[in-house]
Amino acid sequence: MSSPNLHPMLNVAVKAARAAGAIINRAALDVEAVRISQKQINDFVTEVDHASEKVIIETLLGAYPGHGILAEESGSEHGARDSECVWIIDPLDGTTNFIHGFPVYCVSIALAVRGKVEQAVIFDPSRNDLFTATKGRGAYCNDRRLRVSKRTRLSECLLSTGFPFRPGDNFKSYLNMMGDVMQVTSGLRRPGAAALDLAYVAAGFTDGFFEKGLQPWDVAAGSLLVTEAGGLVGNFTGEANFLEQQECMAASPKIYGQLVPLLGKYSKFAGAADKAVVVQAAADRSQP
């Protein structure tokens, strides 16, 4: 059912997300029967991912056949190749959670116009939570206006992150980074679905989020939710142009400003002096 208060393109995205959510919820009733394949070590895809992506693309292109598509499983195989309007889709963010029956996963759909995200939907089918945002019109969850957390002291903050899991990930660097964060915050969580992590920052459930190795479909929709809820999103050095850079940090403005000096030295865009600090800190930790 469409809402007259939503932007027409957002209404179509909501319809697509709910259709995908229905597929995911049906499959979740008997998750052990779901066929699973492995893209690489610890990186899984299921028939549910594919079915969810298919119904999303059909719904979006049915309404806007001239738009482009960038989807996690099929890439740019569908839609127009030269459109200024591109839908960025993660049909099931949190697949590893899903196949274990751990109910933290979602559908993420964003529309980028000339490279800028203008519409966003994140749908959590297990809780029936619908997060939406249109650029300039605010962010909402189930018609409730979202605002980022009002906490101003990092020591009182709850942050979320994602753990490295791919071959070649720098596990030692990530452990050092998490060690730095754990010592100065109230807590660190790893829910397992980056799109929901960003939605939760927008809602004020957590005070900030950071993760490396993310793709545009992981963060596009969530990033608009955060900024429309009054927060900031960027790479670890605080620069706003992060969508293709595989590192993402989000928080309320005051906490964001405190995270930059904490996480910036771990950025692949950090200067040589910052990286030297990281190396020295790791060496100091290894001393008996």
Protein backbone atom coordinates (compact mmCIF):
# COMPACT_ATOMS: atom_id res chain seq x y z
CA MET A 1 0.00 0.00 0.00
CA SER A 2 1.46 3.36 -1.01
CA SER A 3 1.50 6.44 1.19
CA PRO A 4 0.45 9.81 -0.25
CA ASN A 5 3.04 11.48 2.00
CA LEU A 6 6.00 9.71 0.40
CA HIS A 7 7.86 10.71 -2.75
CA PRO A 8 6.52 8.59 -5.66
CA MET A 9 9.91 6.95 -6.23
CA LEU A 10 10.17 6.14 -2.53
CA ASN A 11 6.71 4.56 -2.64
CA VAL A 12 7.88 2.20 -5.38
CA ALA A 13 11.01 1.34 -3.38
CA VAL A 14 8.86 0.59 -0.31
CA LYS A 15 6.66 -1.70 -2.40
CA ALA A 16 9.78 -3.50 -3.67
CA ALA A 17 11.27 -3.81 -0.17
CA ARG A 18 8.06 -5.23 1.29
CA ALA A 19 7.76 -7.77 -1.54
CA ALA A 20 11.34 -8.88 -0.86
CA GLY A 21 10.64 -8.97 2.87
CA ALA A 22 7.70 -11.32 2.31
CA ILE A 23 10.00 -13.74 0.45
CA ILE A 24 12.57 -13.54 3.27
CA ASN A 25 9.96 -14.10 6.00
CA ARG A 26 8.53 -17.17 4.24
CA ALA A 27 11.99 -18.65 3.88
CA ALA A 28 12.83 -17.88 7.52
CA LEU A 29 10.06 -20.28 8.63
CA ASP A 30 12.24 -23.18 7.41
CA VAL A 31 15.71 -21.72 7.04
CA GLU A 32 17.38 -25.16 7.06
CA ALA A 33 15.69 -25.90 3.72
CA VAL A 34 17.26 -22.84 2.04
CA ARG A 35 19.90 -23.62 -0.58
CA ILE A 36 23.21 -21.89 0.21
CA SER A 37 26.33 -21.35 -1.88
CA GLN A 38 29.63 -19.70 -1.00
CA LYS A 39 30.98 -16.75 -3.00
CA GLN A 40 34.26 -16.90 -1.10
CA ILE A 41 35.34 -17.95 2.38
CA ASN A 42 32.73 -16.77 4.92
CA ASP A 43 30.78 -14.93 2.18
CA PHE A 44 27.47 -16.68 1.47
CA VAL A 45 24.59 -16.24 -0.95
CA THR A 46 21.26 -18.06 -0.83
CA GLU A 47 18.35 -18.66 -3.18
CA VAL A 48 16.54 -16.14 -0.98
CA ASP A 49 19.06 -13.41 -1.88
CA HIS A 50 18.45 -14.11 -5.57
CA ALA A 51 14.63 -14.28 -5.27
CA SER A 52 14.58 -11.09 -3.19
CA GLU A 53 16.80 -9.27 -5.69
CA LYS A 54 14.67 -10.45 -8.62
CA VAL A 55 11.40 -9.11 -7.20
CA ILE A 56 13.05 -5.80 -6.24
CA ILE A 57 14.46 -5.26 -9.73
CA GLU A 58 11.18 -6.25 -11.42
CA THR A 59 9.23 -3.83 -9.22
CA LEU A 60 11.64 -0.92 -9.75
CA LEU A 61 12.07 -1.37 -13.49
CA GLY A 62 8.33 -1.97 -13.89
CA ALA A 63 7.80 1.59 -12.66
CA TYR A 64 11.00 3.17 -14.03
CA PRO A 65 12.28 1.15 -17.02
CA GLY A 66 14.79 3.86 -17.94
CA HIS A 67 16.65 3.68 -14.60
CA GLY A 68 19.91 1.89 -13.91
CA ILE A 69 20.50 -0.90 -11.40
CA LEU A 70 23.48 -1.69 -9.17
CA ALA A 71 22.69 -4.82 -7.17
CA GLU A 72 24.83 -6.99 -4.91
CA GLU A 73 24.23 -10.29 -6.71
CA SER A 74 23.69 -9.23 -10.35
CA GLY A 75 25.74 -6.03 -10.48
CA SER A 76 24.73 -3.81 -13.42
CA GLU A 77 23.29 -6.65 -15.49
CA HIS A 78 19.77 -5.14 -15.42
CA GLY A 79 18.41 -1.68 -16.19
CA ALA A 80 19.78 1.14 -18.32
CA ARG A 81 23.56 1.50 -18.44
CA ASP A 82 23.69 5.26 -18.98
CA SER A 83 20.91 6.54 -16.72
CA GLU A 84 21.51 9.37 -14.25
CA CYS A 85 19.16 7.49 -11.87
CA VAL A 86 20.62 4.27 -10.41
CA TRP A 87 18.97 2.02 -7.84
CA ILE A 88 21.52 0.54 -5.42
CA ILE A 89 20.22 -2.72 -3.94
CA ASP A 90 21.19 -5.16 -1.22
CA PRO A 91 18.42 -7.77 -1.32
CA LEU A 92 19.39 -9.41 1.98
CA ASP A 93 21.99 -7.65 4.09
CA GLY A 94 23.02 -10.00 6.88
CA THR A 95 22.88 -13.28 4.94
CA THR A 96 25.12 -15.08 7.44
CA ASN A 97 22.75 -14.07 10.24
CA PHE A 98 19.77 -15.24 8.16
CA ILE A 99 21.11 -18.72 7.43
CA HIS A 100 21.75 -19.23 11.15
CA GLY A 101 18.26 -18.05 12.12
CA PHE A 102 19.74 -15.00 13.88
CA PRO A 103 17.06 -12.34 13.26
CA VAL A 104 19.21 -9.35 12.32
CA TYR A 105 19.01 -8.77 8.57
CA CYS A 106 17.27 -6.42 6.16
CA VAL A 107 16.50 -5.28 2.63
CA SER A 108 18.30 -2.11 1.53
CA ILE A 109 17.30 0.00 -1.49
CA ALA A 110 18.64 3.44 -2.43
CA LEU A 111 18.22 5.69 -5.45
CA ALA A 112 21.25 7.71 -6.51
CA VAL A 113 20.74 10.58 -8.93
CA ARG A 114 23.97 11.72 -10.60
CA GLY A 115 25.90 9.89 -7.89
CA LYS A 116 24.04 11.43 -4.92
CA VAL A 117 21.63 9.31 -2.85
CA GLU A 118 18.16 10.91 -2.87
CA GLN A 119 15.81 8.10 -1.76
CA ALA A 120 16.37 5.33 0.78
CA VAL A 121 14.48 2.35 2.19
CA ILE A 122 15.71 -0.18 4.74
CA PHE A 123 13.18 -2.85 5.69
CA ASP A 124 13.69 -5.21 8.62
CA PRO A 125 11.23 -8.04 7.83
CA SER A 126 11.62 -9.88 11.14
CA ARG A 127 10.48 -6.79 13.10
CA ASN A 128 8.38 -5.19 10.36
CA ASP A 129 10.40 -1.99 10.78
CA LEU A 130 10.40 0.27 7.73
CA PHE A 131 13.08 3.00 7.63
CA THR A 132 12.66 5.62 4.89
CA ALA A 133 14.28 8.87 3.82
CA THR A 134 14.01 11.37 0.99
CA LYS A 135 16.78 13.94 0.63
CA GLY A 136 15.67 17.15 2.33
CA ARG A 137 12.54 15.62 3.88
CA GLY A 138 13.91 13.84 6.95
CA ALA A 139 14.23 10.19 7.99
CA TYR A 140 11.47 8.03 9.44
CA CYS A 141 10.83 4.62 10.98
CA ASN A 142 7.22 3.47 10.63
CA ASP A 143 6.12 7.13 10.27
CA ARG A 144 8.10 8.22 13.36
CA ARG A 145 10.62 11.00 12.68
CA LEU A 146 14.19 9.93 13.42
CA ARG A 147 16.92 11.94 15.11
CA VAL A 148 20.46 10.85 15.92
CA SER A 149 21.51 10.45 19.55
CA LYS A 150 22.00 13.56 21.70
CA ARG A 151 24.96 12.14 23.67
CA THR A 152 28.05 14.30 23.51
CA ARG A 153 30.58 12.29 25.57
CA LEU A 154 32.25 9.40 23.77
CA SER A 155 32.63 7.58 27.11
CA GLU A 156 28.82 7.26 27.29
CA CYS A 157 28.38 6.06 23.71
CA LEU A 158 27.39 2.67 22.31
CA LEU A 159 28.99 2.04 18.89
CA SER A 160 28.43 -0.70 16.32
CA THR A 161 30.96 -2.17 13.90
CA GLY A 162 31.59 -5.13 11.63
CA PHE A 163 34.33 -7.69 12.14
CA PRO A 164 36.69 -8.64 9.29
CA PHE A 165 35.88 -12.05 7.82
CA ARG A 166 37.45 -12.21 4.35
CA PRO A 167 40.83 -13.71 3.43
CA GLY A 168 43.32 -10.86 3.21
CA ASP A 169 41.54 -8.66 5.76
CA ASN A 170 43.95 -7.01 8.19
CA PHE A 171 42.80 -8.69 11.40
CA LYS A 172 45.58 -7.24 13.58
CA SER A 173 44.80 -3.69 12.53
CA TYR A 174 41.10 -4.21 13.21
CA LEU A 175 41.80 -5.65 16.66
CA ASN A 176 43.97 -2.62 17.47
CA MET A 177 41.25 -0.28 16.24
CA MET A 178 38.57 -2.04 18.29
CA GLY A 179 40.88 -1.96 21.31
CA ASP A 180 41.20 1.80 20.98
CA VAL A 181 37.41 2.20 20.71
CA MET A 182 36.56 -0.17 23.56
CA GLN A 183 38.70 1.75 26.01
CA VAL A 184 36.95 5.08 25.50
CA THR A 185 33.29 4.10 24.90
CA SER A 186 30.44 2.53 26.85
CA GLY A 187 30.31 -0.49 24.55
CA LEU A 188 30.91 -1.97 21.10
CA ARG A 189 28.45 -4.19 19.22
CA ARG A 190 28.61 -6.30 16.03
CA PRO A 191 25.01 -6.95 14.89
CA GLY A 192 26.03 -8.25 11.45
CA ALA A 193 24.09 -6.11 8.94
CA ALA A 194 25.70 -2.77 8.04
CA ALA A 195 22.54 -1.28 6.53
CA LEU A 196 20.65 -1.85 9.81
CA ASP A 197 23.65 -0.55 11.77
CA LEU A 198 23.32 2.76 9.91
CA ALA A 199 19.54 2.81 10.37
CA TYR A 200 20.10 2.35 14.11
CA VAL A 201 22.50 5.32 14.18
CA ALA A 202 19.79 7.39 12.47
CA ALA A 203 17.25 6.22 15.07
CA GLY A 204 19.57 7.00 17.97
CA PHE A 205 19.65 3.34 19.10
CA THR A 206 23.43 3.51 18.79
CA ASP A 207 25.62 6.59 18.85
CA GLY A 208 27.95 5.69 15.98
CA PHE A 209 29.12 3.05 13.51
CA PHE A 210 32.36 2.20 11.71
CA GLU A 211 33.41 -0.60 9.38
CA LYS A 212 35.89 -1.39 6.61
CA GLY A 213 35.38 -3.44 3.44
CA LEU A 214 31.87 -2.21 2.69
CA GLN A 215 30.34 -1.90 -0.78
CA PRO A 216 27.96 0.84 -2.04
CA TRP A 217 24.92 -1.43 -1.59
CA ASP A 218 25.81 -1.92 2.09
CA VAL A 219 25.82 1.79 2.93
CA ALA A 220 23.93 3.83 0.30
CA ALA A 221 20.45 3.74 1.88
CA GLY A 222 21.71 3.90 5.46
CA SER A 223 23.91 6.90 4.78
CA LEU A 224 20.91 9.00 3.68
CA LEU A 225 18.96 7.91 6.77
CA VAL A 226 21.81 9.12 8.98
CA THR A 227 22.26 12.51 7.31
CA GLU A 228 18.50 13.14 7.17
CA ALA A 229 18.36 12.33 10.91
CA GLY A 230 20.97 15.02 11.60
CA GLY A 231 24.10 12.86 11.60
CA LEU A 232 27.29 12.74 9.56
CA VAL A 233 28.70 9.96 7.36
CA GLY A 234 32.15 9.68 5.79
CA ASN A 235 35.33 7.66 5.65
CA PHE A 236 37.55 7.25 8.72
CA THR A 237 39.32 10.56 8.06
CA GLY A 238 35.93 12.30 8.10
CA GLU A 239 35.70 13.05 4.37
CA ALA A 240 32.14 12.84 3.07
CA ASN A 241 33.00 11.17 -0.26
CA PHE A 242 32.97 7.60 1.07
CA LEU A 243 30.52 5.52 -1.03
CA GLU A 244 33.16 3.79 -3.17
CA GLN A 245 35.99 3.87 -0.60
CA GLN A 246 35.18 0.69 1.37
CA GLU A 247 35.27 2.36 4.76
CA CYS A 248 32.38 4.03 6.52
CA MET A 249 31.95 5.98 9.74
CA ALA A 250 28.67 7.50 10.94
CA ALA A 251 27.59 9.32 14.09
CA SER A 252 25.96 12.44 15.47
CA PRO A 253 28.08 15.53 14.65
CA LYS A 254 29.68 15.85 18.10
CA ILE A 255 30.58 12.17 18.35
CA TYR A 256 31.72 12.10 14.71
CA GLY A 257 34.23 14.82 15.54
CA GLN A 258 35.62 12.67 18.37
CA LEU A 259 35.81 9.53 16.23
CA VAL A 260 37.94 11.11 13.47
CA PRO A 261 41.14 11.36 15.57
CA LEU A 262 40.43 7.90 17.01
CA LEU A 263 39.79 6.08 13.70
CA GLY A 264 41.46 8.36 11.14
CA LYS A 265 44.90 6.84 11.65
CA TYR A 266 43.47 3.44 10.60
CA SER A 267 42.14 4.82 7.31
CA LYS A 268 43.75 3.78 4.04
CA PHE A 269 43.71 7.51 3.32
CA ALA A 270 45.71 8.36 6.46
CA GLY A 271 49.07 10.11 6.06
CA ALA A 272 52.41 8.40 6.71
CA ALA A 273 52.73 9.99 10.16
CA ASP A 274 49.34 8.63 11.25
CA LYS A 275 50.20 5.15 10.01
CA ALA A 276 53.47 5.25 11.91
CA VAL A 277 51.50 5.91 15.11
CA VAL A 278 49.42 2.77 14.44
CA VAL A 279 52.53 0.65 13.86
CA GLN A 280 54.17 1.94 17.04
CA ALA A 281 51.00 1.34 19.08
CA ALA A 282 50.84 -2.24 17.82
CA ALA A 283 54.48 -2.76 18.74
CA ASP A 284 53.86 -1.36 22.23
CA ARG A 285 50.91 -3.72 22.74
CA SER A 286 53.02 -6.75 21.79
CA GLN A 287 55.61 -6.01 24.48
CA PRO A 288 55.34 -8.23 27.61
